[in-house]
């Protein structure tokens, strides 16, 4: 289950050209690569690279809130991130 902050969602759409549906596809990618986490303002944020249904790669940063995934940021994967996904 996803929990969306409307402000973050608008930012992701407007500045990154990424839709809610694409982010959810990438997070649900069974081959997604999880590459660590960081602590920001006392909250653990997880990082993953996942593929959309059409094969494009997204980097997604999210928090876990109870049983929901709260997306903080999402953007098209860089060349280095694509390479990490393909090498995994």
N, C-alpha and C. Protein backbone atom coordinates (compact mmCIF):
# COMPACT_ATOMS: atom_id res chain seq x y z
N UNK A 1 0.83 -1.17 0.00
CA UNK A 1 0.00 0.00 0.00
C UNK A 1 0.89 1.25 0.00
N UNK A 2 0.49 2.24 -0.75
CA UNK A 2 1.25 3.48 -0.85
C UNK A 2 0.51 4.60 -0.14
N UNK A 3 1.28 5.48 0.46
CA UNK A 3 0.76 6.70 1.07
C UNK A 3 1.40 7.86 0.31
N UNK A 4 0.58 8.68 -0.31
CA UNK A 4 1.10 9.77 -1.14
C UNK A 4 0.89 11.12 -0.50
N UNK A 5 1.92 11.93 -0.49
CA UNK A 5 1.84 13.33 -0.10
C UNK A 5 1.61 14.10 -1.40
N UNK A 6 0.50 14.81 -1.48
CA UNK A 6 0.13 15.48 -2.73
C UNK A 6 1.19 16.47 -3.20
N UNK A 7 1.84 17.16 -2.26
CA UNK A 7 2.87 18.11 -2.66
C UNK A 7 4.06 17.39 -3.30
N UNK A 8 4.50 16.30 -2.70
CA UNK A 8 5.60 15.52 -3.29
C UNK A 8 5.20 14.96 -4.65
N UNK A 9 3.98 14.48 -4.75
CA UNK A 9 3.50 13.91 -6.01
C UNK A 9 3.49 14.96 -7.11
N UNK A 10 3.02 16.15 -6.80
CA UNK A 10 3.03 17.24 -7.81
C UNK A 10 4.45 17.57 -8.23
N UNK A 11 5.37 17.62 -7.27
CA UNK A 11 6.77 17.92 -7.58
C UNK A 11 7.37 16.83 -8.48
N UNK A 12 7.13 15.58 -8.14
CA UNK A 12 7.66 14.47 -8.94
C UNK A 12 7.11 14.54 -10.36
N UNK A 13 5.82 14.83 -10.50
CA UNK A 13 5.21 14.94 -11.83
C UNK A 13 5.78 16.11 -12.61
N UNK A 14 5.80 17.28 -11.98
CA UNK A 14 6.17 18.51 -12.67
C UNK A 14 7.66 18.56 -13.00
N UNK A 15 8.51 18.24 -12.03
CA UNK A 15 9.95 18.44 -12.21
C UNK A 15 10.68 17.20 -12.70
N UNK A 16 10.09 16.07 -12.56
CA UNK A 16 10.76 14.82 -12.95
C UNK A 16 10.06 14.10 -14.09
N UNK A 17 8.82 14.48 -14.39
CA UNK A 17 8.09 13.82 -15.46
C UNK A 17 7.72 12.38 -15.13
N UNK A 18 7.55 12.11 -13.84
CA UNK A 18 7.28 10.75 -13.37
C UNK A 18 5.89 10.72 -12.74
N UNK A 19 5.09 9.74 -13.10
CA UNK A 19 3.73 9.62 -12.56
C UNK A 19 3.69 8.67 -11.37
N UNK A 20 2.61 8.76 -10.63
CA UNK A 20 2.38 7.87 -9.49
C UNK A 20 2.41 6.42 -9.95
N UNK A 21 1.79 6.13 -11.07
CA UNK A 21 1.73 4.75 -11.57
C UNK A 21 3.12 4.21 -11.88
N UNK A 22 3.97 5.04 -12.49
CA UNK A 22 5.33 4.60 -12.81
C UNK A 22 6.13 4.31 -11.54
N UNK A 23 5.99 5.15 -10.54
CA UNK A 23 6.70 4.93 -9.27
C UNK A 23 6.25 3.61 -8.65
N UNK A 24 4.96 3.37 -8.63
CA UNK A 24 4.45 2.13 -8.04
C UNK A 24 4.93 0.91 -8.82
N UNK A 25 5.02 1.01 -10.14
CA UNK A 25 5.56 -0.09 -10.94
C UNK A 25 7.01 -0.37 -10.55
N UNK A 26 7.81 0.68 -10.41
CA UNK A 26 9.23 0.51 -10.07
C UNK A 26 9.41 -0.10 -8.69
N UNK A 27 8.63 0.37 -7.72
CA UNK A 27 8.73 -0.17 -6.35
C UNK A 27 8.32 -1.64 -6.33
N UNK A 28 7.35 -2.01 -7.15
CA UNK A 28 6.86 -3.39 -7.18
C UNK A 28 7.66 -4.30 -8.11
N UNK A 29 8.70 -3.77 -8.75
CA UNK A 29 9.56 -4.58 -9.62
C UNK A 29 10.21 -5.68 -8.79
N UNK A 30 9.97 -6.96 -9.13
CA UNK A 30 10.58 -8.05 -8.34
C UNK A 30 12.10 -8.07 -8.42
N UNK A 31 12.67 -7.39 -9.42
CA UNK A 31 14.12 -7.33 -9.57
C UNK A 31 14.70 -6.02 -9.03
N UNK A 32 13.89 -5.22 -8.35
CA UNK A 32 14.35 -3.93 -7.83
C UNK A 32 15.60 -4.13 -6.97
N UNK A 33 16.50 -3.17 -7.07
CA UNK A 33 17.74 -3.21 -6.31
C UNK A 33 17.63 -2.21 -5.16
N UNK A 34 17.71 -2.72 -3.95
CA UNK A 34 17.68 -1.88 -2.76
C UNK A 34 19.12 -1.57 -2.40
N UNK A 35 19.45 -0.29 -2.31
CA UNK A 35 20.85 0.05 -2.07
C UNK A 35 21.03 0.97 -0.87
N UNK A 36 20.51 0.53 0.24
CA UNK A 36 20.78 1.22 1.49
C UNK A 36 19.68 2.16 1.93
N UNK A 37 20.01 2.85 3.00
CA UNK A 37 19.07 3.79 3.58
C UNK A 37 19.86 4.92 4.23
N UNK A 38 19.15 5.96 4.60
CA UNK A 38 19.74 7.08 5.31
C UNK A 38 18.73 7.57 6.34
N UNK A 39 19.22 8.30 7.32
CA UNK A 39 18.34 8.88 8.34
C UNK A 39 18.24 10.37 8.06
N UNK A 40 17.01 10.86 7.89
CA UNK A 40 16.75 12.28 7.66
C UNK A 40 15.67 12.70 8.65
N UNK A 41 15.97 13.70 9.45
CA UNK A 41 15.02 14.19 10.46
C UNK A 41 14.46 13.05 11.32
N UNK A 42 15.33 12.10 11.66
CA UNK A 42 14.93 11.00 12.52
C UNK A 42 14.15 9.89 11.83
N UNK A 43 13.94 10.01 10.53
CA UNK A 43 13.19 9.00 9.76
C UNK A 43 14.16 8.24 8.85
N UNK A 44 14.00 6.91 8.79
CA UNK A 44 14.82 6.11 7.89
C UNK A 44 14.22 6.17 6.49
N UNK A 45 15.06 6.54 5.53
CA UNK A 45 14.65 6.61 4.13
C UNK A 45 15.40 5.55 3.34
N UNK A 46 14.65 4.76 2.60
CA UNK A 46 15.20 3.66 1.81
C UNK A 46 15.36 4.10 0.36
N UNK A 47 16.34 3.51 -0.31
CA UNK A 47 16.63 3.86 -1.69
C UNK A 47 16.55 2.60 -2.54
N UNK A 48 15.88 2.69 -3.68
CA UNK A 48 15.84 1.55 -4.60
C UNK A 48 15.84 2.02 -6.04
N UNK A 49 16.27 1.12 -6.90
CA UNK A 49 16.18 1.31 -8.35
C UNK A 49 15.29 0.20 -8.86
N UNK A 50 14.25 0.56 -9.59
CA UNK A 50 13.32 -0.43 -10.11
C UNK A 50 12.89 -0.09 -11.51
N UNK A 51 12.42 -1.09 -12.23
CA UNK A 51 11.98 -0.90 -13.61
C UNK A 51 10.47 -0.73 -13.67
N UNK A 52 10.04 0.13 -14.60
CA UNK A 52 8.62 0.26 -14.89
C UNK A 52 8.24 -0.89 -15.82
N UNK A 53 6.96 -1.04 -16.08
CA UNK A 53 6.51 -2.14 -16.94
C UNK A 53 7.10 -2.05 -18.34
N UNK A 54 7.43 -0.82 -18.79
CA UNK A 54 8.03 -0.69 -20.13
C UNK A 54 9.56 -0.68 -20.09
N UNK A 55 10.15 -1.01 -18.93
CA UNK A 55 11.59 -1.20 -18.83
C UNK A 55 12.41 0.02 -18.47
N UNK A 56 11.78 1.16 -18.27
CA UNK A 56 12.54 2.35 -17.86
C UNK A 56 12.87 2.24 -16.37
N UNK A 57 14.03 2.74 -15.98
CA UNK A 57 14.48 2.61 -14.60
C UNK A 57 14.28 3.90 -13.81
N UNK A 58 13.74 3.73 -12.62
CA UNK A 58 13.51 4.85 -11.70
C UNK A 58 14.28 4.62 -10.42
N UNK A 59 14.78 5.69 -9.84
CA UNK A 59 15.31 5.67 -8.49
C UNK A 59 14.22 6.23 -7.60
N UNK A 60 13.91 5.52 -6.52
CA UNK A 60 12.84 5.92 -5.62
C UNK A 60 13.39 5.97 -4.20
N UNK A 61 13.08 7.05 -3.50
CA UNK A 61 13.43 7.20 -2.09
C UNK A 61 12.12 7.22 -1.32
N UNK A 62 12.03 6.37 -0.29
CA UNK A 62 10.76 6.24 0.41
C UNK A 62 10.98 5.96 1.90
N UNK A 63 9.93 6.17 2.67
CA UNK A 63 9.88 5.82 4.08
C UNK A 63 8.80 4.76 4.27
N UNK A 64 8.94 3.98 5.32
CA UNK A 64 7.89 3.04 5.69
C UNK A 64 7.10 3.65 6.84
N UNK A 65 5.81 3.76 6.67
CA UNK A 65 4.91 4.29 7.69
C UNK A 65 3.92 3.20 8.02
N UNK A 66 4.10 2.58 9.18
CA UNK A 66 3.32 1.41 9.56
C UNK A 66 3.43 0.40 8.42
N UNK A 67 2.37 0.16 7.66
CA UNK A 67 2.46 -0.81 6.57
C UNK A 67 2.40 -0.14 5.21
N UNK A 68 2.58 1.18 5.17
CA UNK A 68 2.49 1.91 3.91
C UNK A 68 3.86 2.39 3.46
N UNK A 69 4.03 2.49 2.16
CA UNK A 69 5.23 3.06 1.56
C UNK A 69 4.91 4.52 1.25
N UNK A 70 5.68 5.44 1.85
CA UNK A 70 5.50 6.87 1.61
C UNK A 70 6.65 7.34 0.75
N UNK A 71 6.36 7.67 -0.50
CA UNK A 71 7.38 8.09 -1.45
C UNK A 71 7.81 9.52 -1.15
N UNK A 72 9.11 9.71 -1.02
CA UNK A 72 9.69 11.03 -0.77
C UNK A 72 10.14 11.66 -2.08
N UNK A 73 10.80 10.87 -2.92
CA UNK A 73 11.32 11.38 -4.20
C UNK A 73 11.39 10.24 -5.19
N UNK A 74 11.32 10.60 -6.46
CA UNK A 74 11.48 9.61 -7.54
C UNK A 74 11.99 10.35 -8.76
N UNK A 75 12.94 9.73 -9.44
CA UNK A 75 13.51 10.35 -10.64
C UNK A 75 14.08 9.27 -11.54
N UNK A 76 14.27 9.61 -12.82
CA UNK A 76 14.83 8.66 -13.76
C UNK A 76 16.24 8.32 -13.33
N UNK A 77 16.59 7.05 -13.34
CA UNK A 77 17.90 6.59 -12.88
C UNK A 77 19.01 7.16 -13.74
N UNK A 78 20.11 7.52 -13.08
CA UNK A 78 21.30 8.01 -13.78
C UNK A 78 22.00 6.83 -14.46
N UNK A 79 23.00 7.12 -15.27
CA UNK A 79 23.76 6.06 -15.94
C UNK A 79 24.40 5.14 -14.90
N UNK A 80 24.93 5.70 -13.84
CA UNK A 80 25.56 4.90 -12.79
C UNK A 80 24.53 4.01 -12.10
N UNK A 81 23.35 4.56 -11.84
CA UNK A 81 22.29 3.78 -11.20
C UNK A 81 21.77 2.68 -12.13
N UNK A 82 21.65 2.98 -13.42
CA UNK A 82 21.23 1.95 -14.38
C UNK A 82 22.24 0.81 -14.41
N UNK A 83 23.51 1.16 -14.38
CA UNK A 83 24.56 0.14 -14.37
C UNK A 83 24.47 -0.73 -13.11
N UNK A 84 24.21 -0.11 -11.96
CA UNK A 84 24.08 -0.88 -10.71
C UNK A 84 22.91 -1.84 -10.80
N UNK A 85 21.80 -1.41 -11.39
CA UNK A 85 20.62 -2.27 -11.55
C UNK A 85 20.96 -3.45 -12.46
N UNK A 86 21.60 -3.16 -13.58
CA UNK A 86 21.90 -4.21 -14.55
C UNK A 86 22.94 -5.20 -14.03
N UNK A 87 23.84 -4.73 -13.16
CA UNK A 87 24.89 -5.60 -12.62
C UNK A 87 24.40 -6.45 -11.45
N UNK A 88 23.25 -6.11 -10.89
CA UNK A 88 22.76 -6.84 -9.70
C UNK A 88 22.17 -8.19 -10.08
